[in-house]
PDB file of N, CA and C in Angstrom:
ATOM      1  N   MET A   1     120.877 140.593 104.188  1.00  0.00           N
ATOM      2  CA  MET A   1     122.115 141.962 103.389  1.00  0.00           C
ATOM      3  C   MET A   1     122.956 141.979 104.909  1.00  0.00           C
ATOM      4  N   THR A   2     123.876 142.222 104.873  1.00  0.00           N
ATOM      5  CA  THR A   2     124.830 142.565 106.302  1.00  0.00           C
ATOM      6  C   THR A   2     124.358 144.150 106.379  1.00  0.00           C
ATOM      7  N   ASP A   3     125.137 144.505 106.971  1.00  0.00           N
ATOM      8  CA  ASP A   3     125.577 145.757 107.670  1.00  0.00           C
ATOM      9  C   ASP A   3     125.924 146.979 106.378  1.00  0.00           C
ATOM     10  N   ASN A   4     127.547 145.714 106.122  1.00  0.00           N
ATOM     11  CA  ASN A   4     128.150 146.398 104.888  1.00  0.00           C
ATOM     12  C   ASN A   4     127.152 146.801 103.852  1.00  0.00           C
ATOM     13  N   ASP A   5     126.381 145.388 103.162  1.00  0.00           N
ATOM     14  CA  ASP A   5     125.356 146.167 101.912  1.00  0.00           C
ATOM     15  C   ASP A   5     124.601 146.480 102.233  1.00  0.00           C
ATOM     16  N   ASN A   6     124.110 147.172 103.353  1.00  0.00           N
ATOM     17  CA  ASN A   6     123.192 148.560 103.294  1.00  0.00           C
ATOM     18  C   ASN A   6     123.947 149.578 102.967  1.00  0.00           C
ATOM     19  N   ALA A   7     124.797 149.447 103.541  1.00  0.00           N
ATOM     20  CA  ALA A   7     125.431 150.842 103.508  1.00  0.00           C
ATOM     21  C   ALA A   7     126.008 150.996 102.168  1.00  0.00           C
ATOM     22  N   LEU A   8     126.306 150.452 101.559  1.00  0.00           N
ATOM     23  CA  LEU A   8     126.862 150.649 100.119  1.00  0.00           C
ATOM     24  C   LEU A   8     125.415 150.583  99.129  1.00  0.00           C
ATOM     25  N   ALA A   9     124.181 149.826  99.726  1.00  0.00           N
ATOM     26  CA  ALA A   9     122.990 150.421  98.890  1.00  0.00           C
ATOM     27  C   ALA A   9     122.631 152.072  98.851  1.00  0.00           C
ATOM     28  N   ALA A  10     122.909 151.860 100.266  1.00  0.00           N
ATOM     29  CA  ALA A  10     122.592 153.605 100.934  1.00  0.00           C
ATOM     30  C   ALA A  10     123.125 154.503  99.924  1.00  0.00           C
ATOM     31  N   ARG A  11     124.894 154.634  99.889  1.00  0.00           N
ATOM     32  CA  ARG A  11     125.376 155.328  99.128  1.00  0.00           C
ATOM     33  C   ARG A  11     125.779 155.561  97.475  1.00  0.00           C
ATOM     34  N   VAL A  12     125.159 153.913  97.269  1.00  0.00           N
ATOM     35  CA  VAL A  12     124.814 154.274  95.327  1.00  0.00           C
ATOM     36  C   VAL A  12     123.392 154.722  95.560  1.00  0.00           C
ATOM     37  N   LYS A  13     122.537 154.725  96.321  1.00  0.00           N
ATOM     38  CA  LYS A  13     121.407 155.259  96.424  1.00  0.00           C
ATOM     39  C   LYS A  13     121.515 157.030  96.183  1.00  0.00           C
ATOM     40  N   ALA A  14     122.329 157.029  97.098  1.00  0.00           N
ATOM     41  CA  ALA A  14     122.826 159.056  97.340  1.00  0.00           C
ATOM     42  C   ALA A  14     123.026 159.633  96.195  1.00  0.00           C
ATOM     43  N   VAL A  15     124.199 158.679  95.586  1.00  0.00           N
ATOM     44  CA  VAL A  15     124.655 159.193  94.598  1.00  0.00           C
ATOM     45  C   VAL A  15     123.384 159.338  93.272  1.00  0.00           C
ATOM     46  N   LEU A  16     122.646 158.269  93.075  1.00  0.00           N
ATOM     47  CA  LEU A  16     121.652 158.306  91.767  1.00  0.00           C
ATOM     48  C   LEU A  16     120.774 159.212  92.302  1.00  0.00           C
ATOM     49  N   GLU A  17     120.745 159.514  93.464  1.00  0.00           N
ATOM     50  CA  GLU A  17     119.433 160.694  93.958  1.00  0.00           C
ATOM     51  C   GLU A  17     119.829 161.934  93.895  1.00  0.00           C
ATOM     52  N   HIS A  18     121.058 162.610  94.113  1.00  0.00           N
ATOM     53  CA  HIS A  18     121.859 163.777  93.503  1.00  0.00           C
ATOM     54  C   HIS A  18     122.100 163.543  92.341  1.00  0.00           C
ATOM     55  N   ALA A  19     122.437 162.750  91.494  1.00  0.00           N
ATOM     56  CA  ALA A  19     122.888 163.152  90.125  1.00  0.00           C
ATOM     57  C   ALA A  19     121.455 163.376  88.967  1.00  0.00           C
ATOM     58  N   VAL A  20     120.577 162.835  89.788  1.00  0.00           N
ATOM     59  CA  VAL A  20     119.161 162.773  89.127  1.00  0.00           C
ATOM     60  C   VAL A  20     118.300 164.042  89.251  1.00  0.00           C
ATOM     61  N   ALA A  21     118.705 164.638  90.909  1.00  0.00           N
ATOM     62  CA  ALA A  21     117.901 165.858  91.422  1.00  0.00           C
ATOM     63  C   ALA A  21     118.700 166.915  90.529  1.00  0.00           C
ATOM     64  N   GLY A  22     120.337 166.623  89.731  1.00  0.00           N
ATOM     65  CA  GLY A  22     120.547 167.777  89.384  1.00  0.00           C
ATOM     66  C   GLY A  22     120.048 168.098  87.750  1.00  0.00           C
ATOM     67  N   LEU A  23     119.764 167.519  87.190  1.00  0.00           N
ATOM     68  CA  LEU A  23     118.927 167.370  85.881  1.00  0.00           C
ATOM     69  C   LEU A  23     118.394 168.603  85.715  1.00  0.00           C
ATOM     70  N   ASP A  24     118.599 169.132  84.829  1.00  0.00           N
ATOM     71  CA  ASP A  24     117.053 170.158  84.341  1.00  0.00           C
ATOM     72  C   ASP A  24     116.072 169.149  84.313  1.00  0.00           C
ATOM     73  N   PRO A  25     115.010 169.904  83.553  1.00  0.00           N
ATOM     74  CA  PRO A  25     114.029 169.226  83.332  1.00  0.00           C
ATOM     75  C   PRO A  25     113.969 168.505  82.053  1.00  0.00           C
ATOM     76  N   ALA A  26     114.394 169.275  80.954  1.00  0.00           N
ATOM     77  CA  ALA A  26     113.824 168.890  79.848  1.00  0.00           C
ATOM     78  C   ALA A  26     114.641 168.137  79.396  1.00  0.00           C
ATOM     79  N   ASP A  27     116.447 168.105  80.367  1.00  0.00           N
ATOM     80  CA  ASP A  27     117.429 166.713  80.327  1.00  0.00           C
ATOM     81  C   ASP A  27     116.594 165.200  80.431  1.00  0.00           C
ATOM     82  N   ARG A  28     116.217 165.805  81.591  1.00  0.00           N
ATOM     83  CA  ARG A  28     115.395 164.436  82.479  1.00  0.00           C
ATOM     84  C   ARG A  28     114.410 163.603  81.021  1.00  0.00           C
ATOM     85  N   GLU A  29     113.072 164.772  81.308  1.00  0.00           N
ATOM     86  CA  GLU A  29     112.346 164.142  80.225  1.00  0.00           C
ATOM     87  C   GLU A  29     113.019 163.210  79.014  1.00  0.00           C
ATOM     88  N   GLU A  30     114.028 164.136  78.205  1.00  0.00           N
ATOM     89  CA  GLU A  30     114.928 163.376  77.197  1.00  0.00           C
ATOM     90  C   GLU A  30     115.091 161.997  77.620  1.00  0.00           C
ATOM     91  N   ARG A  31     115.891 162.119  79.073  1.00  0.00           N
ATOM     92  CA  ARG A  31     116.191 160.407  79.191  1.00  0.00           C
ATOM     93  C   ARG A  31     115.057 159.532  79.421  1.00  0.00           C
ATOM     94  N   ILE A  32     113.400 159.887  79.918  1.00  0.00           N
ATOM     95  CA  ILE A  32     112.626 158.925  79.952  1.00  0.00           C
ATOM     96  C   ILE A  32     112.123 158.755  78.809  1.00  0.00           C
ATOM     97  N   ALA A  33     111.920 159.923  77.855  1.00  0.00           N
ATOM     98  CA  ALA A  33     111.629 159.435  76.502  1.00  0.00           C
ATOM     99  C   ALA A  33     113.020 158.438  75.860  1.00  0.00           C
ATOM    100  N   TRP A  34     114.032 158.225  76.058  1.00  0.00           N
ATOM    101  CA  TRP A  34     114.875 157.633  75.215  1.00  0.00           C
ATOM    102  C   TRP A  34     114.856 156.000  75.849  1.00  0.00           C
ATOM    103  N   CYS A  35     114.660 155.942  77.024  1.00  0.00           N
ATOM    104  CA  CYS A  35     113.735 154.951  77.928  1.00  0.00           C
ATOM    105  C   CYS A  35     112.617 154.597  77.595  1.00  0.00           C
ATOM    106  N   ARG A  36     111.639 154.725  77.051  1.00  0.00           N
ATOM    107  CA  ARG A  36     110.317 154.526  76.645  1.00  0.00           C
ATOM    108  C   ARG A  36     111.145 153.748  75.377  1.00  0.00           C
ATOM    109  N   GLU A  37     111.301 154.608  74.943  1.00  0.00           N
ATOM    110  CA  GLU A  37     111.658 154.353  73.062  1.00  0.00           C
ATOM    111  C   GLU A  37     112.673 153.042  72.510  1.00  0.00           C
ATOM    112  N   HIS A  38     113.423 152.680  73.933  1.00  0.00           N
ATOM    113  CA  HIS A  38     114.094 151.406  73.711  1.00  0.00           C
ATOM    114  C   HIS A  38     113.739 150.462  74.364  1.00  0.00           C
ATOM    115  N   ASP A  39     112.698 150.641  75.166  1.00  0.00           N
ATOM    116  CA  ASP A  39     112.433 149.206  76.040  1.00  0.00           C
ATOM    117  C   ASP A  39     113.478 149.272  77.426  1.00  0.00           C
ATOM    118  N   GLN A  40     114.240 149.959  77.340  1.00  0.00           N
ATOM    119  CA  GLN A  40     115.396 149.949  78.817  1.00  0.00           C
ATOM    120  C   GLN A  40     115.328 150.925  79.935  1.00  0.00           C
ATOM    121  N   HIS A  41     114.487 150.454  80.598  1.00  0.00           N
ATOM    122  CA  HIS A  41     113.730 151.446  81.672  1.00  0.00           C
ATOM    123  C   HIS A  41     115.226 151.210  82.980  1.00  0.00           C
ATOM    124  N   GLY A  42     115.920 152.149  83.689  1.00  0.00           N
ATOM    125  CA  GLY A  42     116.130 151.941  84.765  1.00  0.00           C
ATOM    126  C   GLY A  42     117.710 152.320  84.767  1.00  0.00           C
ATOM    127  N   VAL A  43     118.224 152.281  85.766  1.00  0.00           N
ATOM    128  CA  VAL A  43     120.041 152.701  85.654  1.00  0.00           C
ATOM    129  C   VAL A  43     120.750 151.631  85.166  1.00  0.00           C
ATOM    130  N   ARG A  44     122.218 151.317  84.580  1.00  0.00           N
ATOM    131  CA  ARG A  44     122.464 150.518  84.065  1.00  0.00           C
ATOM    132  C   ARG A  44     123.779 150.978  85.161  1.00  0.00           C
ATOM    133  N   MET A  45     124.234 150.008  84.969  1.00  0.00           N
ATOM    134  CA  MET A  45     125.839 150.620  85.885  1.00  0.00           C
ATOM    135  C   MET A  45     127.470 149.914  84.606  1.00  0.00           C
ATOM    136  N   HIS A  46     128.185 150.248  84.684  1.00  0.00           N
ATOM    137  CA  HIS A  46     128.987 149.624  83.397  1.00  0.00           C
ATOM    138  C   HIS A  46     130.523 149.751  84.381  1.00  0.00           C
ATOM    139  N   THR A  47     131.309 148.624  84.506  1.00  0.00           N
ATOM    140  CA  THR A  47     132.572 148.782  85.286  1.00  0.00           C
ATOM    141  C   THR A  47     133.544 149.235  84.324  1.00  0.00           C
ATOM    142  N   ASP A  48     134.932 149.947  85.075  1.00  0.00           N
ATOM    143  CA  ASP A  48     136.014 150.005  84.448  1.00  0.00           C
ATOM    144  C   ASP A  48     137.254 149.544  84.689  1.00  0.00           C
ATOM    145  N   PRO A  49     138.182 149.031  84.302  1.00  0.00           N
ATOM    146  CA  PRO A  49     139.040 148.684  84.970  1.00  0.00           C
ATOM    147  C   PRO A  49     140.071 149.538  85.447  1.00  0.00           C
ATOM    148  N   ASP A  50     139.894 150.479  85.911  1.00  0.00           N
ATOM    149  CA  ASP A  50     140.477 151.924  86.632  1.00  0.00           C
ATOM    150  C   ASP A  50     139.606 152.370  87.540  1.00  0.00           C
ATOM    151  N   GLY A  51     138.855 151.378  88.070  1.00  0.00           N
ATOM    152  CA  GLY A  51     138.005 151.640  89.423  1.00  0.00           C
ATOM    153  C   GLY A  51     136.488 152.040  89.488  1.00  0.00           C
ATOM    154  N   LEU A  52     136.338 152.433  88.121  1.00  0.00           N
ATOM    155  CA  LEU A  52     135.133 153.582  88.208  1.00  0.00           C
ATOM    156  C   LEU A  52     134.019 152.799  88.132  1.00  0.00           C
ATOM    157  N   LEU A  53     132.775 153.413  88.296  1.00  0.00           N
ATOM    158  CA  LEU A  53     131.786 153.032  88.308  1.00  0.00           C
ATOM    159  C   LEU A  53     130.993 153.591  87.299  1.00  0.00           C
ATOM    160  N   GLU A  54     130.282 153.839  86.322  1.00  0.00           N
ATOM    161  CA  GLU A  54     129.782 154.436  85.252  1.00  0.00           C
ATOM    162  C   GLU A  54     128.117 154.094  85.515  1.00  0.00           C
ATOM    163  N   PHE A  55     127.375 155.085  85.839  1.00  0.00           N
ATOM    164  CA  PHE A  55     125.681 154.732  85.702  1.00  0.00           C
ATOM    165  C   PHE A  55     125.431 155.619  84.839  1.00  0.00           C
ATOM    166  N   GLN A  56     124.487 154.784  83.903  1.00  0.00           N
ATOM    167  CA  GLN A  56     123.723 155.261  82.599  1.00  0.00           C
ATOM    168  C   GLN A  56     122.162 155.227  83.123  1.00  0.00           C
ATOM    169  N   TRP A  57     122.285 156.221  82.476  1.00  0.00           N
ATOM    170  CA  TRP A  57     120.431 156.490  82.318  1.00  0.00           C
ATOM    171  C   TRP A  57     119.865 157.172  81.424  1.00  0.00           C
ATOM    172  N   GLY A  58     118.809 156.707  80.372  1.00  0.00           N
ATOM    173  CA  GLY A  58     118.438 157.381  79.173  1.00  0.00           C
ATOM    174  C   GLY A  58     119.264 157.272  77.908  1.00  0.00           C
ATOM    175  N   GLY A  59     120.267 156.107  78.036  1.00  0.00           N
ATOM    176  CA  GLY A  59     121.277 156.235  77.529  1.00  0.00           C
ATOM    177  C   GLY A  59     122.576 157.230  77.168  1.00  0.00           C
ATOM    178  N   ARG A  60     122.665 157.693  78.095  1.00  0.00           N
ATOM    179  CA  ARG A  60     124.253 158.636  78.461  1.00  0.00           C
ATOM    180  C   ARG A  60     124.320 158.202  79.771  1.00  0.00           C
ATOM    181  N   MET A  61     125.721 158.660  80.160  1.00  0.00           N
ATOM    182  CA  MET A  61     126.016 159.192  81.688  1.00  0.00           C
ATOM    183  C   MET A  61     125.306 159.487  82.289  1.00  0.00           C
ATOM    184  N   LEU A  62     125.164 159.701  83.687  1.00  0.00           N
ATOM    185  CA  LEU A  62     124.378 159.708  84.482  1.00  0.00           C
ATOM    186  C   LEU A  62     125.193 160.273  85.649  1.00  0.00           C
ATOM    187  N   ALA A  63     125.889 159.488  86.173  1.00  0.00           N
ATOM    188  CA  ALA A  63     127.273 159.670  87.595  1.00  0.00           C
ATOM    189  C   ALA A  63     128.408 158.450  87.219  1.00  0.00           C
ATOM    190  N   MET A  64     129.228 159.325  87.662  1.00  0.00           N
ATOM    191  CA  MET A  64     130.582 158.282  87.624  1.00  0.00           C
ATOM    192  C   MET A  64     130.836 158.393  88.759  1.00  0.00           C
ATOM    193  N   VAL A  65     131.744 157.021  89.573  1.00  0.00           N
ATOM    194  CA  VAL A  65     132.130 157.239  91.315  1.00  0.00           C
ATOM    195  C   VAL A  65     133.218 156.429  91.294  1.00  0.00           C
ATOM    196  N   ARG A  66     134.225 156.232  92.025  1.00  0.00           N
ATOM    197  CA  ARG A  66     134.901 155.058  92.079  1.00  0.00           C
ATOM    198  C   ARG A  66     134.767 154.249  92.856  1.00  0.00           C
ATOM    199  N   ALA A  67     134.777 153.066  92.301  1.00  0.00           N
ATOM    200  CA  ALA A  67     133.888 151.979  92.987  1.00  0.00           C
ATOM    201  C   ALA A  67     134.490 152.136  94.684  1.00  0.00           C
ATOM    202  N   ASP A  68     135.945 152.570  95.126  1.00  0.00           N
ATOM    203  CA  ASP A  68     136.200 152.540  96.626  1.00  0.00           C
ATOM    204  C   ASP A  68     136.088 153.652  96.718  1.00  0.00           C
ATOM    205  N   ASP A  69     135.536 154.694  96.495  1.00  0.00           N
ATOM    206  CA  ASP A  69     134.578 155.597  97.601  1.00  0.00           C
ATOM    207  C   ASP A  69     133.094 155.389  97.864  1.00  0.00           C
ATOM    208  N   LEU A  70     132.643 154.230  97.036  1.00  0.00           N
ATOM    209  CA  LEU A  70     131.419 153.879  97.805  1.00  0.00           C
ATOM    210  C   LEU A  70     131.629 152.783  98.945  1.00  0.00           C
ATOM    211  N   VAL A  71     132.578 152.222  98.779  1.00  0.00           N
ATOM    212  CA  VAL A  71     133.019 151.227 100.238  1.00  0.00           C
ATOM    213  C   VAL A  71     133.452 151.916 101.191  1.00  0.00           C
ATOM    214  N   GLY A  72     134.012 152.703 101.168  1.00  0.00           N
ATOM    215  CA  GLY A  72     134.312 153.564 102.733  1.00  0.00           C
ATOM    216  C   GLY A  72     133.442 154.046 103.305  1.00  0.00           C
ATOM    217  N   ASP A  73     133.938 154.754 104.332  1.00  0.00           N
ATOM    218  CA  ASP A  73     132.816 155.807 104.703  1.00  0.00           C
ATOM    219  C   ASP A  73     132.966 157.265 105.013  1.00  0.00           C
ATOM    220  N   GLU A  74     133.665 158.035 104.160  1.00  0.00           N
ATOM    221  CA  GLU A  74     133.875 159.477 104.000  1.00  0.00           C
ATOM    222  C   GLU A  74     132.328 160.124 103.334  1.00  0.00           C
ATOM    223  N   PRO A  75     132.732 161.001 103.583  1.00  0.00           N
ATOM    224  CA  PRO A  75     131.773 161.810 102.998  1.00  0.00           C
ATOM    225  C   PRO A  75     131.869 162.007 101.399  1.00  0.00           C
ATOM    226  N   LEU A  76     130.514 161.906 100.433  1.00  0.00           N
ATOM    227  CA  LEU A  76     130.819 161.480  98.982  1.00  0.00           C
ATOM    228  C   LEU A  76     130.567 163.068  98.497  1.00  0.00           C
ATOM    229  N   ARG A  77     131.469 163.533  97.668  1.00  0.00           N
ATOM    230  CA  ARG A  77     131.377 164.820  96.986  1.00  0.00           C
ATOM    231  C   ARG A  77     131.314 164.334  95.404  1.00  0.00           C
ATOM    232  N   ALA A  78     130.463 165.444  95.169  1.00  0.00           N
ATOM    233  CA  ALA A  78     130.108 165.419  93.724  1.00  0.00           C
ATOM    234  C   ALA A  78     130.220 166.601  92.356  1.00  0.00           C
ATOM    235  N   VAL A  79     130.827 166.208  91.641  1.00  0.00           N
ATOM    236  CA  VAL A  79     130.962 167.423  90.674  1.00  0.00           C
ATOM    237  C   VAL A  79     129.811 166.802  89.702  1.00  0.00           C
ATOM    238  N   ALA A  80     129.269 168.027  89.387  1.00  0.00           N
ATOM    239  CA  ALA A  80     127.926 167.748  88.432  1.00  0.00           C
ATOM    240  C   ALA A  80     128.571 168.161  86.655  1.00  0.00           C
ATOM    241  N   VAL A  81     128.381 167.428  85.643  1.00  0.00           N
ATOM    242  CA  VAL A  81     128.891 167.795  84.612  1.00  0.00           C
ATOM    243  C   VAL A  81     127.480 167.682  83.828  1.00  0.00           C
ATOM    244  N   ASN A  82     126.605 168.994  83.151  1.00  0.00           N
ATOM    245  CA  ASN A  82     125.719 168.338  82.639  1.00  0.00           C
ATOM    246  C   ASN A  82     125.630 168.448  81.564  1.00  0.00           C
ATOM    247  N   ALA A  83     126.664 168.794  80.442  1.00  0.00           N
ATOM    248  CA  ALA A  83     126.759 169.636  79.362  1.00  0.00           C
ATOM    249  C   ALA A  83     127.777 167.903  78.653  1.00  0.00           C
ATOM    250  N   GLU A  84     127.316 168.413  77.287  1.00  0.00           N
ATOM    251  CA  GLU A  84     128.476 167.643  76.906  1.00  0.00           C
ATOM    252  C   GLU A  84     130.278 168.243  76.339  1.00  0.00           C
ATOM    253  N   ILE A  85     131.247 167.439  76.566  1.00  0.00           N
ATOM    254  CA  ILE A  85     132.327 167.781  76.949  1.00  0.00           C
ATOM    255  C   ILE A  85     132.811 167.529  75.676  1.00  0.00           C
ATOM    256  N   PRO A  86     133.725 168.384  74.905  1.00  0.00           N
ATOM    257  CA  PRO A  86     134.150 168.375  73.110  1.00  0.00           C
ATOM    258  C   PRO A  86     135.482 168.214  73.473  1.00  0.00           C
ATOM    259  N   ASP A  87     135.236 167.127  72.384  1.00  0.00           N
ATOM    260  CA  ASP A  87     136.699 166.464  71.756  1.00  0.00           C
ATOM    261  C   ASP A  87     137.885 167.365  71.507  1.00  0.00           C
ATOM    262  N   THR A  88     137.602 168.691  70.924  1.00  0.00           N
ATOM    263  CA  THR A  88     138.899 169.867  70.970  1.00  0.00           C
ATOM    264  C   THR A  88     137.961 171.137  71.715  1.00  0.00           C
ATOM    265  N   LEU A  89     138.758 171.903  72.120  1.00  0.00           N
ATOM    266  CA  LEU A  89     138.292 173.440  71.485  1.00  0.00           C
ATOM    267  C   LEU A  89     139.295 174.157  70.847  1.00  0.00           C
ATOM    268  N   GLU A  90     138.642 175.185  70.865  1.00  0.00           N
ATOM    269  CA  GLU A  90     138.810 176.178  69.520  1.00  0.00           C
ATOM    270  C   GLU A  90     139.460 177.059  70.014  1.00  0.00           C
ATOM    271  N   GLY A  91     141.062 177.762  69.131  1.00  0.00           N
ATOM    272  CA  GLY A  91     142.184 178.420  69.579  1.00  0.00           C
ATOM    273  C   GLY A  91     142.989 177.765  70.461  1.00  0.00           C
ATOM    274  N   LEU A  92     143.173 177.102  70.763  1.00  0.00           N
ATOM    275  CA  LEU A  92     144.172 176.604  71.453  1.00  0.00           C
ATOM    276  C   LEU A  92     145.118 175.612  70.711  1.00  0.00           C
ATOM    277  N   THR A  93     146.658 176.138  70.868  1.00  0.00           N
ATOM    278  CA  THR A  93     147.975 175.313  69.799  1.00  0.00           C
ATOM    279  C   THR A  93     148.320 175.084  70.858  1.00  0.00           C
ATOM    280  N   ASP A  94     148.850 174.110  70.046  1.00  0.00           N
ATOM    281  CA  ASP A  94     150.380 173.566  70.808  1.00  0.00           C
ATOM    282  C   ASP A  94     151.973 173.878  70.903  1.00  0.00           C
ATOM    283  N   ASP A  95     151.824 175.710  70.647  1.00  0.00           N
ATOM    284  CA  ASP A  95     152.851 176.450  70.740  1.00  0.00           C
ATOM    285  C   ASP A  95     153.473 176.311  72.200  1.00  0.00           C
TER     286      ASP A  95
END
């Protein structure tokens, strides 16, 4: 592995560790149970045409990051979204 490979692996590891640390215990246990039930252990990464990398664990999103942010040397910034985001919000109108 090159130094660039090591740096990339360290940044991916940091993203995943931060995301897992931000889970509440019930969410973490649900994800572990899902992995066991479906015999799909570990984190899966999916790419997006817009340059996003989505990391899934336990059958749902764990973290999302832009691929370009992983190869740079700028500090990584994270925003946690620990709840489902609804498709619609009540009380909003198009007026």
